[in-house]
Amino acid sequence: MNARSGSLLLFGAFGAGAYFFLAPRFPKDQSVNVVLGDAAPSVTDVSLHYAIEDDPESSRDVTLHFDHGKAPRVVHHEARLVDGAYLLTIEVRGDGAHAWSDQRRVELRGGGSTSIDVSERLRSALGGGPSP
């Protein structure tokens, strides 16, 4: 019985070690918020492209469509991604042929929340002009 409990203890220690070694590589729900601000009523589509620089095959894409005037001031997206440094491409389309895009380096860790404020640059790009 002593040998059996020693085997179980060894097996449990190996399992725990494997979990803590592999856990950072497991995908987690990462919350990404894109702040559109005052330009939101002009926005019809927001596309996000997540890419890990040293692993382009693990990229993820999402496009969120909004009816005219219905885009929220803050677009929220839950992405199931592994922790790490990402190159995030944000593309925003507005009424007519107006479009704007930008790339940002973001660090997604531990299932946390990341906010990216594009409101100032977006307002002028979509024809809203500077705020008073």
N, C-alpha and C. Protein backbone atom coordinates (compact mmCIF):
# COMPACT_ATOMS: atom_id res chain seq x y z
N MET A 1 0.82 -1.19 0.00
CA MET A 1 0.00 0.00 0.00
C MET A 1 0.87 1.26 0.00
N ASN A 2 2.02 1.21 0.63
CA ASN A 2 2.93 2.34 0.68
C ASN A 2 3.48 2.66 -0.71
N ALA A 3 3.78 1.64 -1.50
CA ALA A 3 4.27 1.86 -2.86
C ALA A 3 3.18 2.48 -3.73
N ARG A 4 1.94 2.06 -3.50
CA ARG A 4 0.83 2.59 -4.28
C ARG A 4 0.61 4.08 -3.99
N SER A 5 0.64 4.48 -2.73
CA SER A 5 0.45 5.89 -2.39
C SER A 5 1.64 6.72 -2.88
N GLY A 6 2.82 6.16 -2.89
CA GLY A 6 3.97 6.86 -3.45
C GLY A 6 3.82 7.07 -4.95
N SER A 7 3.27 6.08 -5.66
CA SER A 7 3.03 6.20 -7.10
C SER A 7 1.98 7.26 -7.38
N LEU A 8 0.92 7.27 -6.57
CA LEU A 8 -0.13 8.28 -6.75
C LEU A 8 0.41 9.68 -6.49
N LEU A 9 1.24 9.81 -5.48
CA LEU A 9 1.84 11.10 -5.17
C LEU A 9 2.74 11.58 -6.31
N LEU A 10 3.54 10.66 -6.86
CA LEU A 10 4.42 10.99 -7.98
C LEU A 10 3.60 11.36 -9.21
N PHE A 11 2.54 10.59 -9.48
CA PHE A 11 1.67 10.87 -10.62
C PHE A 11 1.00 12.24 -10.45
N GLY A 12 0.53 12.56 -9.23
CA GLY A 12 -0.09 13.85 -8.96
C GLY A 12 0.89 15.00 -9.13
N ALA A 13 2.11 14.82 -8.67
CA ALA A 13 3.14 15.86 -8.82
C ALA A 13 3.47 16.08 -10.29
N PHE A 14 3.55 14.99 -11.06
CA PHE A 14 3.83 15.11 -12.49
C PHE A 14 2.68 15.84 -13.20
N GLY A 15 1.45 15.49 -12.85
CA GLY A 15 0.28 16.15 -13.44
C GLY A 15 0.23 17.63 -13.13
N ALA A 16 0.50 17.98 -11.89
CA ALA A 16 0.50 19.39 -11.49
C ALA A 16 1.61 20.16 -12.21
N GLY A 17 2.77 19.55 -12.32
CA GLY A 17 3.88 20.19 -13.03
C GLY A 17 3.55 20.40 -14.50
N ALA A 18 2.96 19.40 -15.12
CA ALA A 18 2.58 19.52 -16.53
C ALA A 18 1.54 20.62 -16.73
N TYR A 19 0.58 20.70 -15.81
CA TYR A 19 -0.45 21.73 -15.92
C TYR A 19 0.17 23.13 -15.84
N PHE A 20 1.02 23.37 -14.83
CA PHE A 20 1.62 24.69 -14.67
C PHE A 20 2.58 25.04 -15.80
N PHE A 21 3.17 24.04 -16.44
CA PHE A 21 4.04 24.27 -17.58
C PHE A 21 3.22 24.62 -18.83
N LEU A 22 2.10 23.92 -19.03
CA LEU A 22 1.29 24.09 -20.24
C LEU A 22 0.20 25.15 -20.11
N ALA A 23 -0.21 25.52 -18.91
CA ALA A 23 -1.33 26.45 -18.71
C ALA A 23 -1.18 27.76 -19.48
N PRO A 24 -0.01 28.39 -19.54
CA PRO A 24 0.09 29.64 -20.30
C PRO A 24 -0.19 29.45 -21.79
N ARG A 25 -0.11 28.24 -22.29
CA ARG A 25 -0.35 27.98 -23.71
C ARG A 25 -1.80 27.64 -24.01
N PHE A 26 -2.63 27.54 -22.98
CA PHE A 26 -4.05 27.28 -23.18
C PHE A 26 -4.75 28.58 -23.56
N PRO A 27 -5.65 28.55 -24.54
CA PRO A 27 -6.41 29.77 -24.87
C PRO A 27 -7.28 30.21 -23.70
N LYS A 28 -7.41 31.52 -23.57
CA LYS A 28 -8.25 32.12 -22.53
C LYS A 28 -9.15 33.16 -23.18
N ASP A 29 -10.24 33.49 -22.52
CA ASP A 29 -11.09 34.57 -23.01
C ASP A 29 -10.39 35.89 -22.72
N GLN A 30 -10.01 36.57 -23.78
CA GLN A 30 -9.34 37.87 -23.67
C GLN A 30 -10.34 38.94 -24.09
N SER A 31 -10.56 39.92 -23.28
CA SER A 31 -11.53 40.97 -23.55
C SER A 31 -10.82 42.16 -24.21
N VAL A 32 -11.29 42.53 -25.41
CA VAL A 32 -10.70 43.65 -26.14
C VAL A 32 -11.81 44.68 -26.38
N ASN A 33 -11.53 45.93 -26.00
CA ASN A 33 -12.48 47.03 -26.17
C ASN A 33 -11.86 48.06 -27.11
N VAL A 34 -12.59 48.40 -28.17
CA VAL A 34 -12.14 49.43 -29.11
C VAL A 34 -13.04 50.65 -28.88
N VAL A 35 -12.43 51.74 -28.42
CA VAL A 35 -13.18 52.96 -28.11
C VAL A 35 -13.34 53.79 -29.38
N LEU A 36 -14.60 53.90 -29.85
CA LEU A 36 -14.91 54.68 -31.05
C LEU A 36 -15.28 56.12 -30.70
N GLY A 37 -15.80 56.32 -29.53
CA GLY A 37 -16.17 57.65 -29.07
C GLY A 37 -17.25 58.30 -29.91
N ASP A 38 -17.10 59.61 -30.19
CA ASP A 38 -18.10 60.39 -30.92
C ASP A 38 -18.27 59.95 -32.36
N ALA A 39 -17.32 59.19 -32.91
CA ALA A 39 -17.42 58.73 -34.30
C ALA A 39 -18.34 57.52 -34.44
N ALA A 40 -18.78 56.94 -33.34
CA ALA A 40 -19.58 55.71 -33.37
C ALA A 40 -20.80 55.77 -34.29
N PRO A 41 -21.58 56.85 -34.31
CA PRO A 41 -22.77 56.85 -35.18
C PRO A 41 -22.44 56.72 -36.67
N SER A 42 -21.21 57.03 -37.07
CA SER A 42 -20.80 56.91 -38.47
C SER A 42 -20.25 55.54 -38.82
N VAL A 43 -20.04 54.68 -37.83
CA VAL A 43 -19.38 53.39 -38.04
C VAL A 43 -20.39 52.32 -38.41
N THR A 44 -20.06 51.52 -39.44
CA THR A 44 -20.92 50.40 -39.84
C THR A 44 -20.24 49.05 -39.63
N ASP A 45 -18.90 49.00 -39.66
CA ASP A 45 -18.18 47.74 -39.49
C ASP A 45 -16.88 47.99 -38.72
N VAL A 46 -16.56 47.04 -37.84
CA VAL A 46 -15.27 47.04 -37.15
C VAL A 46 -14.68 45.65 -37.34
N SER A 47 -13.50 45.58 -37.96
CA SER A 47 -12.80 44.31 -38.16
C SER A 47 -11.55 44.30 -37.31
N LEU A 48 -11.32 43.16 -36.67
CA LEU A 48 -10.12 42.98 -35.83
C LEU A 48 -9.37 41.77 -36.34
N HIS A 49 -8.06 41.93 -36.51
CA HIS A 49 -7.19 40.83 -36.93
C HIS A 49 -6.10 40.69 -35.88
N TYR A 50 -6.11 39.55 -35.17
CA TYR A 50 -5.14 39.27 -34.12
C TYR A 50 -4.06 38.38 -34.71
N ALA A 51 -2.80 38.76 -34.61
CA ALA A 51 -1.70 37.94 -35.12
C ALA A 51 -0.54 37.95 -34.14
N ILE A 52 -0.02 36.76 -33.85
CA ILE A 52 1.20 36.64 -33.06
C ILE A 52 2.34 36.75 -34.07
N GLU A 53 3.26 37.67 -33.82
CA GLU A 53 4.30 37.97 -34.81
C GLU A 53 5.13 36.76 -35.21
N ASP A 54 5.47 35.87 -34.27
CA ASP A 54 6.32 34.73 -34.61
C ASP A 54 5.50 33.48 -34.95
N ASP A 55 4.17 33.62 -35.05
CA ASP A 55 3.31 32.48 -35.38
C ASP A 55 2.12 32.96 -36.21
N PRO A 56 2.35 33.31 -37.49
CA PRO A 56 1.27 33.88 -38.31
C PRO A 56 0.11 32.92 -38.55
N GLU A 57 0.32 31.63 -38.39
CA GLU A 57 -0.75 30.67 -38.63
C GLU A 57 -1.80 30.69 -37.51
N SER A 58 -1.47 31.29 -36.38
CA SER A 58 -2.41 31.32 -35.27
C SER A 58 -3.27 32.59 -35.28
N SER A 59 -3.31 33.29 -36.40
CA SER A 59 -4.07 34.54 -36.45
C SER A 59 -5.58 34.27 -36.40
N ARG A 60 -6.31 35.26 -35.90
CA ARG A 60 -7.76 35.20 -35.78
C ARG A 60 -8.34 36.49 -36.32
N ASP A 61 -9.52 36.38 -36.95
CA ASP A 61 -10.21 37.54 -37.51
C ASP A 61 -11.65 37.57 -37.05
N VAL A 62 -12.18 38.78 -36.90
CA VAL A 62 -13.60 38.96 -36.61
C VAL A 62 -14.04 40.28 -37.23
N THR A 63 -15.25 40.30 -37.78
CA THR A 63 -15.85 41.53 -38.28
C THR A 63 -17.20 41.69 -37.60
N LEU A 64 -17.40 42.84 -37.01
CA LEU A 64 -18.66 43.16 -36.34
C LEU A 64 -19.39 44.20 -37.18
N HIS A 65 -20.63 43.92 -37.53
CA HIS A 65 -21.43 44.83 -38.37
C HIS A 65 -22.48 45.52 -37.52
N PHE A 66 -22.68 46.80 -37.80
CA PHE A 66 -23.68 47.59 -37.08
C PHE A 66 -24.56 48.32 -38.09
N ASP A 67 -25.85 48.37 -37.81
CA ASP A 67 -26.74 49.17 -38.63
C ASP A 67 -26.35 50.63 -38.50
N HIS A 68 -26.71 51.43 -39.50
CA HIS A 68 -26.37 52.85 -39.51
C HIS A 68 -26.82 53.52 -38.21
N GLY A 69 -25.87 54.17 -37.54
CA GLY A 69 -26.15 54.89 -36.31
C GLY A 69 -26.27 54.03 -35.06
N LYS A 70 -26.01 52.73 -35.17
CA LYS A 70 -26.21 51.82 -34.03
C LYS A 70 -24.92 51.30 -33.40
N ALA A 71 -23.77 51.70 -33.91
CA ALA A 71 -22.51 51.23 -33.32
C ALA A 71 -22.35 51.83 -31.92
N PRO A 72 -21.92 51.03 -30.96
CA PRO A 72 -21.70 51.57 -29.61
C PRO A 72 -20.44 52.43 -29.56
N ARG A 73 -20.34 53.27 -28.57
CA ARG A 73 -19.14 54.10 -28.39
C ARG A 73 -17.92 53.25 -28.07
N VAL A 74 -18.15 52.09 -27.43
CA VAL A 74 -17.07 51.14 -27.13
C VAL A 74 -17.49 49.78 -27.67
N VAL A 75 -16.74 49.27 -28.64
CA VAL A 75 -17.02 47.97 -29.23
C VAL A 75 -16.27 46.93 -28.40
N HIS A 76 -17.00 45.94 -27.92
CA HIS A 76 -16.44 44.91 -27.05
C HIS A 76 -16.34 43.60 -27.82
N HIS A 77 -15.19 42.92 -27.72
CA HIS A 77 -15.02 41.61 -28.34
C HIS A 77 -14.31 40.68 -27.37
N GLU A 78 -14.86 39.49 -27.20
CA GLU A 78 -14.23 38.44 -26.38
C GLU A 78 -13.53 37.49 -27.35
N ALA A 79 -12.22 37.50 -27.31
CA ALA A 79 -11.42 36.63 -28.19
C ALA A 79 -10.83 35.50 -27.36
N ARG A 80 -10.92 34.28 -27.84
CA ARG A 80 -10.33 33.13 -27.13
C ARG A 80 -8.94 32.93 -27.71
N LEU A 81 -7.93 33.47 -27.01
CA LEU A 81 -6.56 33.48 -27.49
C LEU A 81 -5.59 33.10 -26.37
N VAL A 82 -4.44 32.59 -26.76
CA VAL A 82 -3.39 32.31 -25.77
C VAL A 82 -2.76 33.63 -25.34
N ASP A 83 -2.18 33.65 -24.16
CA ASP A 83 -1.48 34.83 -23.69
C ASP A 83 -0.31 35.14 -24.62
N GLY A 84 -0.03 36.43 -24.79
CA GLY A 84 1.13 36.79 -25.57
C GLY A 84 1.03 38.17 -26.18
N ALA A 85 2.07 38.51 -26.95
CA ALA A 85 2.14 39.79 -27.65
C ALA A 85 1.50 39.60 -29.02
N TYR A 86 0.58 40.49 -29.36
CA TYR A 86 -0.14 40.41 -30.62
C TYR A 86 0.03 41.70 -31.41
N LEU A 87 -0.02 41.57 -32.73
CA LEU A 87 -0.14 42.71 -33.61
C LEU A 87 -1.63 42.75 -33.98
N LEU A 88 -2.33 43.76 -33.49
CA LEU A 88 -3.77 43.87 -33.70
C LEU A 88 -4.02 44.90 -34.79
N THR A 89 -4.65 44.45 -35.87
CA THR A 89 -5.05 45.35 -36.94
C THR A 89 -6.52 45.67 -36.75
N ILE A 90 -6.82 46.96 -36.66
CA ILE A 90 -8.19 47.43 -36.49
C ILE A 90 -8.59 48.13 -37.78
N GLU A 91 -9.67 47.68 -38.39
CA GLU A 91 -10.19 48.35 -39.58
C GLU A 91 -11.62 48.77 -39.29
N VAL A 92 -11.90 50.04 -39.54
CA VAL A 92 -13.23 50.59 -39.28
C VAL A 92 -13.77 51.15 -40.58
N ARG A 93 -14.99 50.74 -40.90
CA ARG A 93 -15.66 51.26 -42.09
C ARG A 93 -16.84 52.11 -41.63
N GLY A 94 -17.03 53.18 -42.37
CA GLY A 94 -18.13 54.08 -42.05
C GLY A 94 -19.08 54.21 -43.22
N ASP A 95 -19.95 55.20 -43.11
CA ASP A 95 -20.91 55.47 -44.18
C ASP A 95 -20.19 55.68 -45.50
N GLY A 96 -20.75 55.16 -46.56
CA GLY A 96 -20.16 55.34 -47.88
C GLY A 96 -18.85 54.60 -48.01
N ALA A 97 -17.87 55.26 -48.59
CA ALA A 97 -16.58 54.63 -48.86
C ALA A 97 -15.54 54.95 -47.79
N HIS A 98 -15.94 55.58 -46.71
CA HIS A 98 -14.99 55.95 -45.68
C HIS A 98 -14.46 54.71 -44.95
N ALA A 99 -13.15 54.64 -44.82
CA ALA A 99 -12.53 53.54 -44.09
C ALA A 99 -11.27 54.06 -43.40
N TRP A 100 -10.91 53.37 -42.34
CA TRP A 100 -9.73 53.73 -41.56
C TRP A 100 -9.16 52.46 -40.98
N SER A 101 -7.83 52.35 -40.91
CA SER A 101 -7.21 51.18 -40.28
C SER A 101 -5.94 51.61 -39.55
N ASP A 102 -5.58 50.77 -38.59
CA ASP A 102 -4.40 51.03 -37.78
C ASP A 102 -3.92 49.70 -37.21
N GLN A 103 -2.64 49.64 -36.90
CA GLN A 103 -2.07 48.45 -36.25
C GLN A 103 -1.52 48.87 -34.90
N ARG A 104 -1.76 48.02 -33.91
CA ARG A 104 -1.26 48.27 -32.56
C ARG A 104 -0.64 47.00 -32.01
N ARG A 105 0.41 47.15 -31.26
CA ARG A 105 0.97 46.01 -30.53
C ARG A 105 0.28 45.99 -29.17
N VAL A 106 -0.30 44.83 -28.86
CA VAL A 106 -0.99 44.69 -27.58
C VAL A 106 -0.51 43.43 -26.88
N GLU A 107 -0.51 43.47 -25.57
CA GLU A 107 -0.12 42.33 -24.75
C GLU A 107 -1.39 41.79 -24.10
N LEU A 108 -1.77 40.57 -24.46
CA LEU A 108 -2.95 39.93 -23.88
C LEU A 108 -2.48 38.90 -22.88
N ARG A 109 -2.87 39.07 -21.62
CA ARG A 109 -2.39 38.20 -20.54
C ARG A 109 -3.52 37.85 -19.59
N GLY A 110 -3.54 36.61 -19.18
CA GLY A 110 -4.36 36.16 -18.07
C GLY A 110 -5.86 36.36 -18.20
N GLY A 111 -6.35 36.45 -19.42
CA GLY A 111 -7.78 36.63 -19.58
C GLY A 111 -8.26 38.00 -19.15
N GLY A 112 -7.39 38.98 -19.18
CA GLY A 112 -7.75 40.33 -18.74
C GLY A 112 -8.44 41.13 -19.82
N SER A 113 -8.55 42.43 -19.59
CA SER A 113 -9.23 43.34 -20.50
C SER A 113 -8.23 44.36 -21.04
N THR A 114 -8.32 44.63 -22.34
CA THR A 114 -7.45 45.60 -23.00
C THR A 114 -8.33 46.59 -23.74
N SER A 115 -8.10 47.89 -23.55
CA SER A 115 -8.85 48.93 -24.25
C SER A 115 -7.93 49.69 -25.18
N ILE A 116 -8.45 49.96 -26.38
CA ILE A 116 -7.70 50.70 -27.39
C ILE A 116 -8.56 51.87 -27.83
N ASP A 117 -8.08 53.08 -27.57
CA ASP A 117 -8.84 54.28 -27.90
C ASP A 117 -8.42 54.79 -29.28
N VAL A 118 -9.33 54.70 -30.24
CA VAL A 118 -9.07 55.17 -31.60
C VAL A 118 -9.96 56.36 -31.93
N SER A 119 -10.65 56.90 -30.95
CA SER A 119 -11.69 57.90 -31.19
C SER A 119 -11.18 59.17 -31.87
N GLU A 120 -10.07 59.71 -31.42
CA GLU A 120 -9.57 60.97 -32.00
C GLU A 120 -9.17 60.80 -33.46
N ARG A 121 -8.39 59.79 -33.74
CA ARG A 121 -7.93 59.58 -35.12
C ARG A 121 -9.07 59.15 -36.03
N LEU A 122 -10.01 58.40 -35.48
CA LEU A 122 -11.13 57.92 -36.26
C LEU A 122 -12.09 59.04 -36.64
N ARG A 123 -12.31 59.97 -35.74
CA ARG A 123 -13.24 61.07 -36.00
C ARG A 123 -12.82 61.86 -37.23
N SER A 124 -11.54 62.20 -37.34
CA SER A 124 -11.08 62.96 -38.50
C SER A 124 -11.05 62.10 -39.76
N ALA A 125 -10.74 60.80 -39.62
CA ALA A 125 -10.67 59.91 -40.79
C ALA A 125 -12.04 59.67 -41.42
N LEU A 126 -13.09 59.63 -40.60
CA LEU A 126 -14.42 59.36 -41.11
C LEU A 126 -15.19 60.65 -41.43
N GLY A 127 -14.48 61.76 -41.40
CA GLY A 127 -15.11 63.01 -41.82
C GLY A 127 -15.83 63.77 -40.72
N GLY A 128 -15.63 63.36 -39.46
CA GLY A 128 -16.30 64.06 -38.36
C GLY A 128 -15.59 65.33 -37.96
N GLY A 129 -14.32 65.46 -38.32
CA GLY A 129 -13.55 66.64 -37.95
C GLY A 129 -13.23 66.65 -36.48
N PRO A 130 -12.40 67.57 -36.05
CA PRO A 130 -12.04 67.65 -34.63
C PRO A 130 -13.19 68.12 -33.78
N SER A 131 -13.17 67.70 -32.53
CA SER A 131 -14.23 68.11 -31.62
C SER A 131 -13.98 69.53 -31.16
N PRO A 132 -15.05 70.25 -30.77
CA PRO A 132 -14.87 71.65 -30.34
C PRO A 132 -14.14 71.72 -29.02
